[in-house]
């Protein structure tokens, strides 16, 4: 059973795991829900708002526990595939920087969306998101309210997640707005895996938990990054939470991508 999870398994194995381990917790958090639910901001890969996709990659530094078969950064160039295998895995604490030519522009809505390859709404492997206009990287504010450790077979409620890539299942992107980090354009997007063992923190100092440990294709699995340059967010009934009280703001990341030295 463990082998099935770690390597995404066969279709039948994935179905069994999804039914057995990935049901949503009873208590929902304050943030937007899973793909297909009212108020979700999940963006389908075939949404006509997409006008471009990542055109290349600049740097790929995989972390531990990634097999060679999943270390192909070219898989993240171009349109999302919406499958479990046409991806590049970051490994524990790994990172990748994707390039955009022409640059992503800051429009009136969401400007780009990041696609992971989860086969369920709750097997969510998360990552920090940073952008650059060529003068340094700035990180999006993020919040994690998952109350405790998540095992390799565990679930993360998407309504407890804000500002992190990997919030939605495969085929659905998590949108980001350059307005939130004060940039008019971005030529690069950096994705940095969150190690789910409790050593990585969100913007306000909460521990970020996600499925841990996994091996083979450990960590965040990047499918693609699509560009919209200001498409409106999906509509639907939703009551937003009060603004979290952050002790700090998104800032320039250190080389490791986490806020404490023991992240890796």
Protein backbone atom coordinates (compact mmCIF):
# COMPACT_ATOMS: atom_id res chain seq x y z
CA UNK A 1 0.00 0.00 0.00
CA UNK A 2 2.82 2.41 0.83
CA UNK A 3 4.41 1.70 -2.54
CA UNK A 4 1.18 2.69 -4.26
CA UNK A 5 1.12 6.14 -2.66
CA UNK A 6 4.76 6.92 -3.12
CA UNK A 7 4.76 6.33 -6.83
CA UNK A 8 1.19 7.50 -7.49
CA UNK A 9 0.33 3.83 -8.18
CA UNK A 10 -2.01 2.39 -10.75
CA UNK A 11 -5.42 3.90 -11.39
CA UNK A 12 -7.12 1.26 -9.26
CA UNK A 13 -4.69 1.80 -6.42
CA UNK A 14 -5.20 5.57 -6.54
CA UNK A 15 -8.97 5.12 -6.37
CA UNK A 16 -8.70 2.89 -3.31
CA UNK A 17 -6.36 5.32 -1.59
CA UNK A 18 -8.56 8.29 -2.41
CA UNK A 19 -11.62 6.56 -1.01
CA UNK A 20 -9.83 5.31 2.08
CA UNK A 21 -7.55 8.12 3.15
CA UNK A 22 -8.49 11.40 1.48
CA UNK A 23 -11.95 12.34 2.71
CA UNK A 24 -12.28 15.92 3.91
CA UNK A 25 -12.08 16.62 7.64
CA UNK A 26 -15.41 17.42 9.26
CA UNK A 27 -14.43 20.96 10.32
CA UNK A 28 -13.72 23.31 7.42
CA UNK A 29 -11.31 26.22 7.58
CA UNK A 30 -11.90 29.84 6.49
CA UNK A 31 -10.34 29.79 3.02
CA UNK A 32 -11.69 28.90 -0.41
CA UNK A 33 -12.81 25.29 -1.00
CA UNK A 34 -11.78 22.49 -3.36
CA UNK A 35 -12.22 22.51 -7.13
CA UNK A 36 -15.86 22.21 -8.19
CA UNK A 37 -17.28 23.58 -4.94
CA UNK A 38 -19.12 26.89 -4.76
CA UNK A 39 -16.68 29.72 -4.11
CA UNK A 40 -13.59 27.80 -5.26
CA UNK A 41 -10.93 29.73 -7.14
CA UNK A 42 -9.57 26.60 -8.83
CA UNK A 43 -8.81 27.30 -12.51
CA UNK A 44 -9.23 24.42 -14.96
CA UNK A 45 -6.33 23.91 -17.37
CA UNK A 46 -8.67 24.38 -20.38
CA UNK A 47 -10.04 27.71 -19.12
CA UNK A 48 -10.03 30.20 -22.04
CA UNK A 49 -8.48 32.82 -19.74
CA UNK A 50 -5.06 31.23 -20.30
CA UNK A 51 -3.13 33.15 -22.93
CA UNK A 52 0.33 31.61 -22.40
CA UNK A 53 2.32 29.05 -20.42
CA UNK A 54 5.86 28.92 -19.02
CA UNK A 55 8.32 29.08 -21.91
CA UNK A 56 11.36 27.62 -20.15
CA UNK A 57 13.16 26.96 -16.89
CA UNK A 58 16.23 28.64 -15.43
CA UNK A 59 17.20 26.59 -12.38
CA UNK A 60 16.20 23.22 -10.93
CA UNK A 61 17.56 22.06 -7.59
CA UNK A 62 15.81 18.83 -6.58
CA UNK A 63 15.71 17.83 -2.94
CA UNK A 64 15.97 14.32 -1.56
CA UNK A 65 13.91 11.25 -2.51
CA UNK A 66 13.23 12.01 -6.18
CA UNK A 67 13.86 9.24 -8.71
CA UNK A 68 15.56 10.19 -11.99
CA UNK A 69 12.31 9.53 -13.88
CA UNK A 70 10.73 12.53 -12.14
CA UNK A 71 13.68 14.92 -12.60
CA UNK A 72 12.75 16.34 -15.99
CA UNK A 73 12.12 20.09 -15.69
CA UNK A 74 11.07 20.31 -19.35
CA UNK A 75 7.85 18.57 -18.29
CA UNK A 76 6.75 21.83 -16.62
CA UNK A 77 7.15 23.88 -19.81
CA UNK A 78 4.00 24.51 -21.83
CA UNK A 79 0.39 23.64 -21.08
CA UNK A 80 -0.69 21.54 -18.10
CA UNK A 81 -1.32 17.88 -18.84
CA UNK A 82 -3.58 17.19 -15.85
CA UNK A 83 -2.00 13.76 -15.27
CA UNK A 84 0.00 12.18 -12.46
CA UNK A 85 3.20 11.54 -14.42
CA UNK A 86 3.97 14.36 -16.89
CA UNK A 87 5.53 16.47 -14.12
CA UNK A 88 8.80 17.43 -12.46
CA UNK A 89 9.14 16.59 -8.77
CA UNK A 90 10.95 18.97 -6.44
CA UNK A 91 11.83 16.50 -3.68
CA UNK A 92 12.04 17.50 -0.04
CA UNK A 93 12.82 21.21 0.02
CA UNK A 94 13.74 21.34 -3.66
CA UNK A 95 12.97 24.24 -5.97
CA UNK A 96 12.54 25.21 -9.61
CA UNK A 97 12.49 28.58 -11.37
CA UNK A 98 10.29 28.84 -14.46
CA UNK A 99 10.76 31.54 -17.12
CA UNK A 100 8.19 33.56 -19.09
CA UNK A 101 8.77 35.31 -22.41
CA UNK A 102 6.92 37.61 -22.76
CA UNK A 103 6.70 38.39 -19.02
CA UNK A 104 3.58 37.88 -16.92
CA UNK A 105 1.77 41.24 -16.64
CA UNK A 106 -0.22 42.48 -13.66
CA UNK A 107 -3.87 42.78 -14.71
CA UNK A 108 -7.06 43.44 -12.77
CA UNK A 109 -7.54 39.82 -11.55
CA UNK A 110 -5.40 36.72 -11.24
CA UNK A 111 -2.30 36.74 -13.43
CA UNK A 112 -1.00 33.16 -13.36
CA UNK A 113 -1.96 29.76 -11.97
CA UNK A 114 0.22 26.88 -10.77
CA UNK A 115 -0.72 23.24 -11.40
CA UNK A 116 0.25 20.28 -9.18
CA UNK A 117 -0.65 16.62 -9.87
CA UNK A 118 -2.67 15.48 -6.85
CA UNK A 119 -5.26 12.83 -7.70
CA UNK A 120 -7.59 13.93 -4.87
CA UNK A 121 -8.92 17.12 -3.32
CA UNK A 122 -7.02 16.51 -0.07
CA UNK A 123 -3.69 14.84 -0.92
CA UNK A 124 -2.10 18.27 -1.16
CA UNK A 125 1.66 18.68 -1.48
CA UNK A 126 2.36 22.37 -0.95
CA UNK A 127 4.98 24.88 -2.05
CA UNK A 128 5.98 28.49 -1.53
CA UNK A 129 5.61 30.80 -4.54
CA UNK A 130 8.04 33.61 -5.38
CA UNK A 131 8.17 35.93 -8.38
CA UNK A 132 10.79 38.21 -9.89
CA UNK A 133 10.87 41.04 -12.41
CA UNK A 134 14.62 40.57 -12.70
CA UNK A 135 15.59 42.53 -9.59
CA UNK A 136 15.13 39.85 -6.90
CA UNK A 137 12.45 37.43 -5.74
CA UNK A 138 9.52 38.29 -3.49
CA UNK A 139 7.31 35.66 -1.84
CA UNK A 140 3.53 35.61 -1.71
CA UNK A 141 2.02 35.81 1.76
CA UNK A 142 0.70 32.43 2.84
CA UNK A 143 -1.25 30.86 5.67
CA UNK A 144 -1.61 27.26 6.88
CA UNK A 145 -4.17 26.29 9.51
CA UNK A 146 -3.72 22.50 9.34
CA UNK A 147 -3.73 21.70 13.08
CA UNK A 148 -1.23 18.85 13.26
CA UNK A 149 1.11 16.47 11.41
CA UNK A 150 -0.16 14.78 8.24
CA UNK A 151 1.09 11.27 7.48
CA UNK A 152 2.13 10.09 4.03
CA UNK A 153 -1.44 8.80 3.65
CA UNK A 154 -3.05 11.82 5.34
CA UNK A 155 -5.33 14.62 4.17
CA UNK A 156 -5.03 18.41 4.04
CA UNK A 157 -8.25 20.44 3.95
CA UNK A 158 -7.89 23.08 1.20
CA UNK A 159 -10.03 25.49 3.22
CA UNK A 160 -7.10 25.69 5.66
CA UNK A 161 -4.65 26.77 2.94
CA UNK A 162 -4.00 30.23 1.51
CA UNK A 163 -1.22 31.60 -0.71
CA UNK A 164 0.55 28.26 -1.31
CA UNK A 165 0.78 26.32 -4.56
CA UNK A 166 -0.72 22.82 -4.53
CA UNK A 167 -4.12 23.76 -3.07
CA UNK A 168 -6.03 22.01 -5.87
CA UNK A 169 -6.05 18.59 -7.54
CA UNK A 170 -4.51 17.81 -10.92
CA UNK A 171 -6.00 19.67 -13.85
CA UNK A 172 -6.85 22.67 -11.67
CA UNK A 173 -4.47 25.56 -11.02
CA UNK A 174 -4.05 27.72 -7.94
CA UNK A 175 -4.25 31.38 -9.06
CA UNK A 176 -1.92 34.19 -7.98
CA UNK A 177 -2.13 37.96 -8.49
CA UNK A 178 1.03 40.06 -8.94
CA UNK A 179 -0.82 42.92 -7.27
CA UNK A 180 -0.45 41.03 -3.98
CA UNK A 181 3.34 41.40 -4.09
CA UNK A 182 3.48 44.83 -5.67
CA UNK A 183 4.93 43.85 -9.05
CA UNK A 184 3.83 45.17 -12.44
CA UNK A 185 5.33 42.17 -14.26
CA UNK A 186 7.29 38.99 -13.64
CA UNK A 187 9.77 37.15 -15.83
CA UNK A 188 10.33 34.31 -13.35
CA UNK A 189 8.25 32.22 -10.95
CA UNK A 190 10.09 30.15 -8.34
CA UNK A 191 8.38 27.18 -6.68
CA UNK A 192 9.91 25.91 -3.40
CA UNK A 193 8.73 22.69 -1.80
CA UNK A 194 7.34 22.84 1.71
CA UNK A 195 8.74 19.95 3.75
CA UNK A 196 5.71 18.63 5.61
CA UNK A 197 7.45 17.45 8.77
CA UNK A 198 6.71 20.64 10.70
CA UNK A 199 9.97 22.49 10.06
CA UNK A 200 8.59 24.99 7.52
CA UNK A 201 6.55 28.02 8.52
CA UNK A 202 3.99 30.26 6.88
CA UNK A 203 4.17 34.05 6.78
CA UNK A 204 2.83 34.51 10.29
CA UNK A 205 4.91 31.71 11.84
CA UNK A 206 2.39 28.84 11.76
CA UNK A 207 3.83 25.41 11.03
CA UNK A 208 2.89 24.16 7.55
CA UNK A 209 1.96 20.48 7.48
CA UNK A 210 1.44 18.38 4.36
CA UNK A 211 1.82 14.63 3.58
CA UNK A 212 5.10 13.34 5.04
CA UNK A 213 7.10 11.25 4.43
CA UNK A 214 6.91 10.34 0.75
CA UNK A 215 9.67 9.09 -1.53
CA UNK A 216 10.25 8.39 -5.21
CA UNK A 217 8.45 11.55 -6.32
CA UNK A 218 8.67 13.32 -2.98
CA UNK A 219 7.54 16.87 -2.48
CA UNK A 220 5.71 19.23 -4.79
CA UNK A 221 5.11 17.93 -8.32
CA UNK A 222 4.92 20.76 -10.86
CA UNK A 223 2.77 20.16 -13.93
CA UNK A 224 2.70 23.67 -15.42
CA UNK A 225 2.22 27.40 -14.86
CA UNK A 226 -0.39 29.17 -16.98
CA UNK A 227 -0.66 32.92 -17.61
CA UNK A 228 -3.83 35.03 -17.81
CA UNK A 229 -2.65 38.63 -17.25
CA UNK A 230 -5.67 39.63 -15.20
CA UNK A 231 -8.61 37.24 -15.65
CA UNK A 232 -11.52 37.57 -13.18
CA UNK A 233 -11.64 35.08 -10.34
CA UNK A 234 -14.34 32.39 -10.55
CA UNK A 235 -17.63 33.50 -9.02
CA UNK A 236 -19.78 31.70 -6.49
CA UNK A 237 -21.17 32.03 -3.01
CA UNK A 238 -18.42 32.49 -0.46
CA UNK A 239 -17.97 34.33 2.83
CA UNK A 240 -14.36 35.43 3.14
CA UNK A 241 -12.58 35.21 6.50
CA UNK A 242 -11.34 38.20 8.42
CA UNK A 243 -7.84 39.24 7.43
CA UNK A 244 -5.25 37.14 9.32
CA UNK A 245 -3.04 39.04 11.71
CA UNK A 246 0.45 38.58 10.30
CA UNK A 247 3.56 39.36 12.29
CA UNK A 248 5.47 39.95 9.04
CA UNK A 249 4.96 40.34 5.33
CA UNK A 250 6.10 38.38 2.30
CA UNK A 251 9.76 39.16 1.70
CA UNK A 252 12.86 38.12 -0.12
CA UNK A 253 13.58 34.46 0.40
CA UNK A 254 16.82 32.95 1.60
CA UNK A 255 18.51 30.32 -0.54
CA UNK A 256 16.80 27.45 1.23
CA UNK A 257 13.32 28.81 0.70
CA UNK A 258 12.14 28.15 4.27
CA UNK A 259 12.07 30.41 7.25
CA UNK A 260 14.19 28.27 9.56
CA UNK A 261 17.56 26.63 8.98
CA UNK A 262 16.35 23.11 9.79
CA UNK A 263 13.78 23.04 6.95
CA UNK A 264 15.89 20.58 4.98
